Each structure stands twice: as C-alpha cells, then as structure tokens.
Amino acid sequence: MTRPVRDFGRRGFLLSGSLAGAGALAAACTSNAEPESKDAGTAAATGANAAPGKRVTIGFAGPQADHGWLNAINENAKKEAGKYSDVDLKITEGSNDAAQQASQIQTLINQKVGVLIILPADGKQMTPTGRKAMTAGIPVINLDRVFDTPQAYRTWIGGDNYGMGLNAGNYIAKRLNGKGTVVELAGIDTLPLTQDRTRGFDDALKNYPQIKKVGRAAAEFNVQTGQARMAELLQAHPKFDALWNHDDDQGIGALQAIKQAGRSDFFMVGGAGSKSAMDSIKKDDSVLKATVLYPPTMAASAVRVARLLGQGKAMGDLAEQEIPTSMTLFSAVVTKENVDTYLPLAFE
C-alpha cells in the first residue's frame, strides 16, 4: 500500500541575506576555517537570487527516517523550504523498500511537481524511477546515494565518504605523531559508502608506515550493534592507541562498551556530526576527541538548488550560467578547538 504524501505549503518570509545556492552553503558550513564576511558584490548577487520569484513546487522523497542522520535530512529540507515564500514542499513519508518509494515518487510525478529531490533507499534499484521523472521533464536532484546513470538526475549533491575516512586517518596519524596502532568500527560492509570510508582511512594510513591497523569490525549504524561490536574489539585488542568509528549513532553504543570496559588508554574519532558527539567533544569528558562531518545540511542545499532550477536561475556565486551537475561536500574534522562553529549544524 502506498503511504500518503504530505503537503507542506510554505508561506514564511525569506530570511535576510540567504545564500544563493548549495555551493555557498557548502563553503560556509563545511570548511574548517571561520566563515568570511561577503563583499558587496557577492551580497548583491546573493540578494538577487534570494528575492521571491516564480513559485516552485518541490517534491522530496527519501528513505524511512530510522536513523538520526536520515531524520536530520528530512528536517533540514522542511526548515529550508520554510524560508522561501515562493516554495511549496511536498514530502513523502519515506520508505526503505525500493518499490514503495518508487510508488511514492510516482505520486509526485503525477502531481506534476516542478523539481524532484530524491534520496533513494537504494541507488541502483531506484535508477529507473529517476529516469522516469527526467523523461517526464521534471529535473531530479539526486541526494547522497547516487543513481547508476547520470540520465536519472540533473544534479547530484552528497557527502564525501572517501574523504571522511581520509580525513579521519590523517587526523589520527598526526595526533599519534605518525606512530601507533588503530582499530576501526565500520558501518554496514555491503554498502559502498562503508567501503569508501574504509578505503579512505586505509589510504591515509599508507602514508604512515609506523601506524598499523590491528583490528576492524562492522556494525550496523545503530546503538545496539555498535556496543556489541565494540565490546568484541576491546576484548580482542587489550591495547591500541586510536579508534575510527564510522558513525556517531553507533558510536553511542561504542562509548557505552568502552565505559563498561573501563578503558581510557586510546582516543576515538567519530563520523557524521551528531549533537551528542559534539557535546561530548566540547565537554572533553570521554575518549571521543573528534568527529568527521557528513553534513545532513545537504538536504537544505538540495532545496536551494531545486528552487533555482525551478526558476531557471544559476548560482549567484558562480560565473557559469548553469547549475553544476555534481556537488561533493567537504568532510571537516570537528575538534574541541572548532566545535562551537559546527554545533549549529549538528543533528539529534
């Protein structure tokens, strides 16, 4: 049975000084540097794009929000759409079943939305649905989990899974002064994103031959499995210097296992950027010393880009007349030194 599509009409006033598009958001929100003030020329370009224009109906379809990060994706989309008086957002209830999600998207296609944002439950299985929308003349923004062919989307926006692992590995290596032992608590091994995070991490460590990865376990992006797999790693490895955990949600369980084992002889780097992780980093009250962002703000960027596509506009901060076909967000490392900059972006 197809789940209902909820219609969120947006009538709020446009926030003053809103950014022109996702490129500006990525620069402002995912860099390790403090955001710089805009000059008069940039501000003028931004204002021109931010001014109310042609009304755009945006369809948003994602998987079931059964994870903190996925829930944050939905909330970012709703919040961003609410900033624009010329945007109506139609958001599906979401499903992890590809056939059900395809049915929900077909409902949006039948409603003749102006632009579609799709975070597919499975990129490969959902590719025909993306192509169907494009064939119907509806531009598709493919969010995060990429379709199998560019014919299924107009623009892809997503995080950098390889970069997460790479930046985590480089941070750990520098903190260890290039020497020591590490273990890895991965996500779901069958997912390409998990494989990319591990590959990036391993590639970073190749530059530090005196650092050895002595253990690895795959959890399932949830608290319970994170706790169980971490307990096994701790038992198998009575001594190591650092831990790279792919996901802050499963990291809650990992921290429970670490506390129960009474271990404090290593430091931990998490992934994604949850509020609980950032709060812990700020308090400096556990082995968790950093987290590598995989920003759910990509959904807000997608709404901005969808609005521009629907209005036939380009990005005010770019010289080109067309919106790019691909936007990869940067995976910043959040530490005690810069956590206040990123806390506003953290997800529950």
Protein backbone atom coordinates (compact mmCIF):
# COMPACT_ATOMS: atom_id res chain seq x y z
CA MET A 1 0.00 0.00 0.00
CA THR A 2 1.34 3.41 -0.92
CA ARG A 3 1.96 5.68 2.01
CA PRO A 4 0.35 9.11 1.79
CA VAL A 5 2.18 12.14 0.53
CA ARG A 6 2.11 15.03 2.96
CA ASP A 7 1.88 18.52 1.50
CA PHE A 8 3.78 21.21 3.37
CA GLY A 9 2.81 24.61 1.95
CA ARG A 10 5.40 27.27 2.82
CA ARG A 11 4.49 30.90 3.33
CA GLY A 12 7.24 32.18 5.62
CA PHE A 13 9.19 35.36 4.92
CA LEU A 14 12.57 34.98 3.24
CA LEU A 15 15.44 35.36 5.65
CA SER A 16 17.61 38.38 5.03
CA GLY A 17 20.94 37.55 3.41
CA SER A 18 20.09 33.95 2.49
CA LEU A 19 22.75 32.24 0.39
CA ALA A 20 22.25 31.88 -3.34
CA GLY A 21 22.69 28.12 -3.52
CA ALA A 22 24.33 24.95 -2.30
CA GLY A 23 27.82 25.99 -3.36
CA ALA A 24 27.75 28.92 -0.98
CA LEU A 25 26.29 26.78 1.78
CA ALA A 26 28.99 24.17 1.40
CA ALA A 27 31.69 26.81 1.60
CA ALA A 28 30.18 28.39 4.68
CA CYS A 29 29.27 25.26 6.57
CA THR A 30 31.83 22.55 5.79
CA SER A 31 35.14 24.34 5.90
CA ASN A 32 37.39 24.17 8.95
CA ALA A 33 38.02 27.91 8.62
CA GLU A 34 35.79 30.53 10.18
CA PRO A 35 33.23 31.84 7.66
CA GLU A 36 34.39 35.03 5.98
CA SER A 37 32.20 38.08 5.52
CA LYS A 38 30.90 38.64 1.98
CA ASP A 39 31.92 41.65 -0.05
CA ALA A 40 29.34 43.99 -1.55
CA GLY A 41 29.42 42.32 -4.97
CA THR A 42 28.75 38.84 -3.57
CA ALA A 43 25.99 40.14 -1.33
CA ALA A 44 24.29 41.79 -4.30
CA ALA A 45 24.38 38.58 -6.34
CA THR A 46 23.04 36.61 -3.41
CA GLY A 47 20.21 39.09 -2.83
CA ALA A 48 19.13 38.87 -6.47
CA ASN A 49 18.70 35.11 -6.25
CA ALA A 50 17.11 35.24 -2.82
CA ALA A 51 14.38 37.65 -3.87
CA PRO A 52 10.97 35.97 -4.29
CA GLY A 53 10.30 34.81 -7.83
CA LYS A 54 8.35 32.20 -9.76
CA ARG A 55 6.52 29.78 -7.46
CA VAL A 56 8.15 26.33 -7.39
CA THR A 57 6.65 23.07 -6.13
CA ILE A 58 9.41 20.75 -4.94
CA GLY A 59 8.84 17.05 -4.34
CA PHE A 60 11.07 15.44 -1.71
CA ALA A 61 11.38 11.65 -1.40
CA GLY A 62 13.78 9.91 0.95
CA PRO A 63 14.06 6.61 2.79
CA GLN A 64 12.42 5.97 6.15
CA ALA A 65 13.91 8.23 8.82
CA ASP A 66 15.02 5.37 11.09
CA HIS A 67 18.43 6.89 11.83
CA GLY A 68 19.40 10.22 13.37
CA TRP A 69 21.14 11.40 10.20
CA LEU A 70 18.21 10.49 7.94
CA ASN A 71 15.77 12.27 10.23
CA ALA A 72 18.04 15.33 10.07
CA ILE A 73 17.89 15.14 6.26
CA ASN A 74 14.10 15.50 6.37
CA GLU A 75 14.20 18.27 8.96
CA ASN A 76 16.80 20.25 7.01
CA ALA A 77 14.64 20.07 3.87
CA LYS A 78 11.50 21.23 5.70
CA LYS A 79 13.28 24.04 7.53
CA GLU A 80 14.95 25.33 4.38
CA ALA A 81 11.76 25.24 2.32
CA GLY A 82 10.05 27.24 5.05
CA LYS A 83 12.39 30.17 4.43
CA TYR A 84 11.01 30.83 0.95
CA SER A 85 7.64 32.41 0.21
CA ASP A 86 7.85 31.06 -3.37
CA VAL A 87 8.40 27.37 -2.47
CA ASP A 88 5.87 24.63 -1.76
CA LEU A 89 7.38 21.38 -0.47
CA LYS A 90 5.61 18.06 -0.97
CA ILE A 91 7.44 15.45 1.10
CA THR A 92 6.72 11.71 1.12
CA GLU A 93 6.55 9.66 4.28
CA GLY A 94 9.62 7.71 3.19
CA SER A 95 10.35 4.02 2.83
CA ASN A 96 13.33 1.66 2.85
CA ASP A 97 11.52 -0.52 0.31
CA ALA A 98 12.51 0.48 -3.23
CA ALA A 99 9.16 -0.48 -4.75
CA GLN A 100 7.22 1.51 -2.18
CA GLN A 101 9.50 4.51 -2.56
CA ALA A 102 9.08 4.31 -6.34
CA SER A 103 5.30 4.38 -5.84
CA GLN A 104 5.59 7.46 -3.63
CA ILE A 105 7.71 9.20 -6.26
CA GLN A 106 5.25 8.26 -9.00
CA THR A 107 2.59 10.09 -6.98
CA LEU A 108 4.77 13.20 -7.00
CA ILE A 109 5.35 12.83 -10.76
CA ASN A 110 1.59 12.53 -11.30
CA GLN A 111 1.11 15.72 -9.28
CA LYS A 112 3.45 17.44 -11.76
CA VAL A 113 5.88 18.87 -9.21
CA GLY A 114 8.37 21.29 -10.69
CA VAL A 115 11.53 19.65 -9.33
CA LEU A 116 12.19 16.36 -7.52
CA ILE A 117 14.72 15.72 -4.77
CA ILE A 118 15.33 12.01 -4.28
CA LEU A 119 17.48 10.33 -1.65
CA PRO A 120 17.00 6.75 -2.87
CA ALA A 121 16.63 3.83 -0.49
CA ASP A 122 18.87 2.04 -3.00
CA GLY A 123 20.54 3.98 -5.80
CA LYS A 124 20.72 1.10 -8.25
CA GLN A 125 17.14 -0.09 -7.76
CA MET A 126 15.75 3.44 -7.90
CA THR A 127 17.56 4.47 -11.09
CA PRO A 128 14.60 3.68 -13.40
CA THR A 129 12.39 5.92 -11.25
CA GLY A 130 14.84 8.80 -11.55
CA ARG A 131 14.94 8.34 -15.32
CA LYS A 132 11.14 8.26 -15.47
CA ALA A 133 10.97 11.66 -13.76
CA MET A 134 13.63 13.12 -16.02
CA THR A 135 11.82 11.79 -19.10
CA ALA A 136 8.67 13.46 -17.83
CA GLY A 137 10.54 16.78 -17.86
CA ILE A 138 10.99 17.02 -14.09
CA PRO A 139 14.59 17.85 -13.08
CA VAL A 140 15.85 15.44 -10.42
CA ILE A 141 18.31 16.29 -7.68
CA ASN A 142 19.88 13.01 -6.62
CA LEU A 143 20.79 13.32 -2.96
CA ASP A 144 23.61 11.28 -1.38
CA ARG A 145 23.08 7.71 -2.67
CA VAL A 146 23.88 8.04 -6.34
CA PHE A 147 21.83 6.60 -9.19
CA ASP A 148 23.55 4.24 -11.64
CA THR A 149 23.46 6.71 -14.54
CA PRO A 150 23.58 10.49 -14.94
CA GLN A 151 20.50 10.10 -17.17
CA ALA A 152 18.49 9.66 -13.94
CA TYR A 153 19.34 13.06 -12.46
CA ARG A 154 20.11 16.67 -13.31
CA THR A 155 22.37 17.33 -10.33
CA TRP A 156 23.91 15.12 -7.63
CA ILE A 157 24.61 16.53 -4.15
CA GLY A 158 26.24 14.42 -1.46
CA GLY A 159 28.89 13.88 1.13
CA ASP A 160 32.40 12.58 0.66
CA ASN A 161 32.61 9.09 2.15
CA TYR A 162 36.15 8.53 0.93
CA GLY A 163 37.08 11.97 2.29
CA MET A 164 35.61 11.05 5.69
CA GLY A 165 37.96 8.11 6.00
CA LEU A 166 40.88 10.05 4.57
CA ASN A 167 40.45 12.99 6.94
CA ALA A 168 39.88 10.71 9.92
CA GLY A 169 43.05 8.80 9.10
CA ASN A 170 45.13 11.93 8.66
CA TYR A 171 43.85 13.44 11.92
CA ILE A 172 44.58 10.24 13.85
CA ALA A 173 48.03 9.91 12.29
CA LYS A 174 49.00 13.47 13.19
CA ARG A 175 47.69 13.12 16.72
CA LEU A 176 49.74 9.92 17.10
CA ASN A 177 52.81 11.67 15.66
CA GLY A 178 52.94 9.03 12.93
CA LYS A 179 53.37 6.01 15.18
CA GLY A 180 50.95 3.61 16.91
CA THR A 181 48.10 1.14 16.47
CA VAL A 182 44.49 1.75 15.45
CA VAL A 183 41.21 -0.17 15.21
CA GLU A 184 38.19 0.56 13.04
CA LEU A 185 34.48 0.27 13.82
CA ALA A 186 32.87 0.34 10.37
CA GLY A 187 29.23 0.58 9.29
CA ILE A 188 27.45 -1.96 7.06
CA ASP A 189 30.08 -3.67 4.94
CA THR A 190 27.79 -4.35 2.00
CA LEU A 191 27.20 -0.62 1.46
CA PRO A 192 29.54 1.21 -0.95
CA LEU A 193 29.65 4.16 1.48
CA THR A 194 31.18 1.93 4.17
CA GLN A 195 33.69 0.54 1.71
CA ASP A 196 34.63 4.08 0.64
CA ARG A 197 35.14 5.23 4.24
CA THR A 198 37.41 2.28 4.93
CA ARG A 199 39.33 2.80 1.69
CA GLY A 200 39.94 6.46 2.50
CA PHE A 201 41.10 5.58 6.00
CA ASP A 202 43.47 2.89 4.74
CA ASP A 203 44.86 5.20 2.06
CA ALA A 204 45.64 7.84 4.68
CA LEU A 205 47.48 5.31 6.84
CA LYS A 206 49.62 4.23 3.88
CA ASN A 207 51.49 7.50 4.33
CA TYR A 208 52.41 6.49 7.88
CA PRO A 209 54.15 3.09 7.79
CA GLN A 210 54.65 3.08 11.56
CA ILE A 211 50.89 3.11 12.16
CA LYS A 212 49.24 -0.31 12.00
CA LYS A 213 45.55 -1.14 11.86
CA VAL A 214 45.27 -4.13 14.16
CA GLY A 215 41.52 -4.68 14.25
CA ARG A 216 38.26 -4.00 12.43
CA ALA A 217 34.60 -4.83 12.99
CA ALA A 218 31.46 -3.90 11.05
CA ALA A 219 28.45 -2.62 12.98
CA GLU A 220 25.06 -1.64 11.54
CA PHE A 221 24.73 2.09 12.17
CA ASN A 222 22.78 1.56 15.38
CA VAL A 223 23.47 1.80 19.10
CA GLN A 224 22.97 -1.86 19.98
CA THR A 225 25.25 -3.30 17.33
CA GLY A 226 27.80 -0.56 17.91
CA GLN A 227 28.00 -1.57 21.56
CA ALA A 228 28.27 -5.29 20.77
CA ARG A 229 30.94 -4.96 18.09
CA MET A 230 32.95 -2.50 20.16
CA ALA A 231 32.90 -4.86 23.15
CA GLU A 232 34.31 -7.58 20.90
CA LEU A 233 37.06 -5.28 19.62
CA LEU A 234 38.01 -4.29 23.17
CA GLN A 235 38.24 -7.90 24.24
CA ALA A 236 40.29 -8.91 21.20
CA HIS A 237 42.67 -5.95 21.49
CA PRO A 238 43.70 -5.14 25.07
CA LYS A 239 45.90 -2.32 23.80
CA PHE A 240 45.65 0.14 20.91
CA ASP A 241 46.07 3.88 20.50
CA ALA A 242 43.14 5.14 18.43
CA LEU A 243 39.70 4.17 17.18
CA TRP A 244 37.98 5.33 13.95
CA ASN A 245 34.22 4.89 14.24
CA HIS A 246 32.24 5.46 11.02
CA ASP A 247 29.01 6.70 12.57
CA ASP A 248 28.10 8.75 15.64
CA ASP A 249 24.81 6.90 16.23
CA GLN A 250 26.56 3.55 16.58
CA GLY A 251 29.24 5.47 18.45
CA ILE A 252 26.82 5.94 21.35
CA GLY A 253 26.87 2.17 21.81
CA ALA A 254 30.62 2.06 21.31
CA LEU A 255 31.14 4.61 24.08
CA GLN A 256 28.91 2.54 26.38
CA ALA A 257 31.05 -0.52 25.73
CA ILE A 258 34.24 1.48 26.34
CA LYS A 259 32.88 2.84 29.62
CA GLN A 260 31.78 -0.61 30.76
CA ALA A 261 35.25 -1.99 29.99
CA GLY A 262 36.88 0.83 31.96
CA ARG A 263 39.12 1.73 29.03
CA SER A 264 40.65 5.17 28.54
CA ASP A 265 44.02 4.28 27.03
CA PHE A 266 43.12 5.44 23.49
CA PHE A 267 41.23 8.23 21.73
CA MET A 268 38.26 7.94 19.38
CA VAL A 269 37.24 9.74 16.19
CA GLY A 270 33.60 9.52 15.15
CA GLY A 271 31.72 10.20 11.95
CA ALA A 272 28.73 12.22 10.66
CA GLY A 273 28.47 15.02 13.26
CA SER A 274 25.73 14.26 15.79
CA LYS A 275 24.91 16.68 18.61
CA SER A 276 25.69 14.08 21.25
CA ALA A 277 29.14 13.58 19.74
CA MET A 278 29.83 17.31 19.52
CA ASP A 279 28.60 17.88 23.07
CA SER A 280 30.97 15.18 24.30
CA ILE A 281 33.85 16.66 22.30
CA LYS A 282 33.16 20.10 23.77
CA LYS A 283 32.97 18.77 27.35
CA ASP A 284 36.07 16.65 26.74
CA ASP A 285 34.55 14.03 29.06
CA SER A 286 35.32 10.80 27.18
CA VAL A 287 37.75 9.16 24.77
CA LEU A 288 35.85 10.82 21.89
CA LYS A 289 38.04 13.69 20.70
CA ALA A 290 36.78 14.41 17.17
CA THR A 291 34.12 13.61 14.60
CA VAL A 292 34.30 13.89 10.81
CA LEU A 293 31.29 15.57 9.22
CA TYR A 294 28.89 14.03 6.75
CA PRO A 295 26.55 17.03 6.78
CA PRO A 296 22.78 16.49 6.59
CA THR A 297 22.64 20.14 5.53
CA MET A 298 22.97 18.68 2.01
CA ALA A 299 19.16 18.48 2.09
CA ALA A 300 18.93 22.23 2.65
CA SER A 301 21.37 22.72 -0.22
CA ALA A 302 19.20 20.49 -2.39
CA VAL A 303 16.13 22.63 -1.67
CA ARG A 304 18.04 25.78 -2.60
CA VAL A 305 19.26 24.23 -5.84
CA ALA A 306 15.80 22.86 -6.65
CA ARG A 307 14.33 26.35 -6.23
CA LEU A 308 16.93 27.83 -8.59
CA LEU A 309 16.34 25.10 -11.17
CA GLY A 310 12.60 25.64 -10.98
CA GLN A 311 13.07 29.37 -11.52
CA GLY A 312 15.64 28.97 -14.30
CA LYS A 313 18.38 30.66 -12.30
CA ALA A 314 22.07 29.95 -11.86
CA MET A 315 24.13 30.18 -8.68
CA GLY A 316 24.95 33.77 -7.84
CA ASP A 317 28.45 32.93 -6.60
CA LEU A 318 29.49 31.11 -9.80
CA ALA A 319 30.45 32.58 -13.16
CA GLU A 320 28.68 29.82 -15.12
CA GLN A 321 25.10 30.21 -16.34
CA GLU A 322 24.09 26.66 -15.37
CA ILE A 323 23.97 24.85 -12.03
CA PRO A 324 26.71 22.19 -11.76
CA THR A 325 25.87 18.53 -12.31
CA SER A 326 27.75 17.38 -9.20
CA MET A 327 28.47 18.86 -5.76
CA THR A 328 30.57 16.97 -3.21
CA LEU A 329 30.53 18.42 0.30
CA PHE A 330 33.70 18.63 2.38
CA SER A 331 34.18 16.35 5.42
CA ALA A 332 35.51 18.71 8.07
CA VAL A 333 37.11 17.36 11.24
CA VAL A 334 35.37 18.74 14.33
CA THR A 335 37.54 19.02 17.45
CA LYS A 336 37.35 20.80 20.78
CA GLU A 337 39.04 23.79 19.15
CA ASN A 338 36.37 24.36 16.47
CA VAL A 339 33.29 22.58 17.80
CA ASP A 340 31.38 25.82 18.52
CA THR A 341 31.48 26.63 14.80
CA TYR A 342 29.80 23.34 13.87
CA LEU A 343 27.39 22.77 16.77
CA PRO A 344 24.57 24.67 14.99
CA LEU A 345 24.79 22.07 12.17
CA ALA A 346 24.72 19.03 14.46
CA PHE A 347 21.83 16.57 14.25
CA GLU A 348 19.98 14.90 17.11
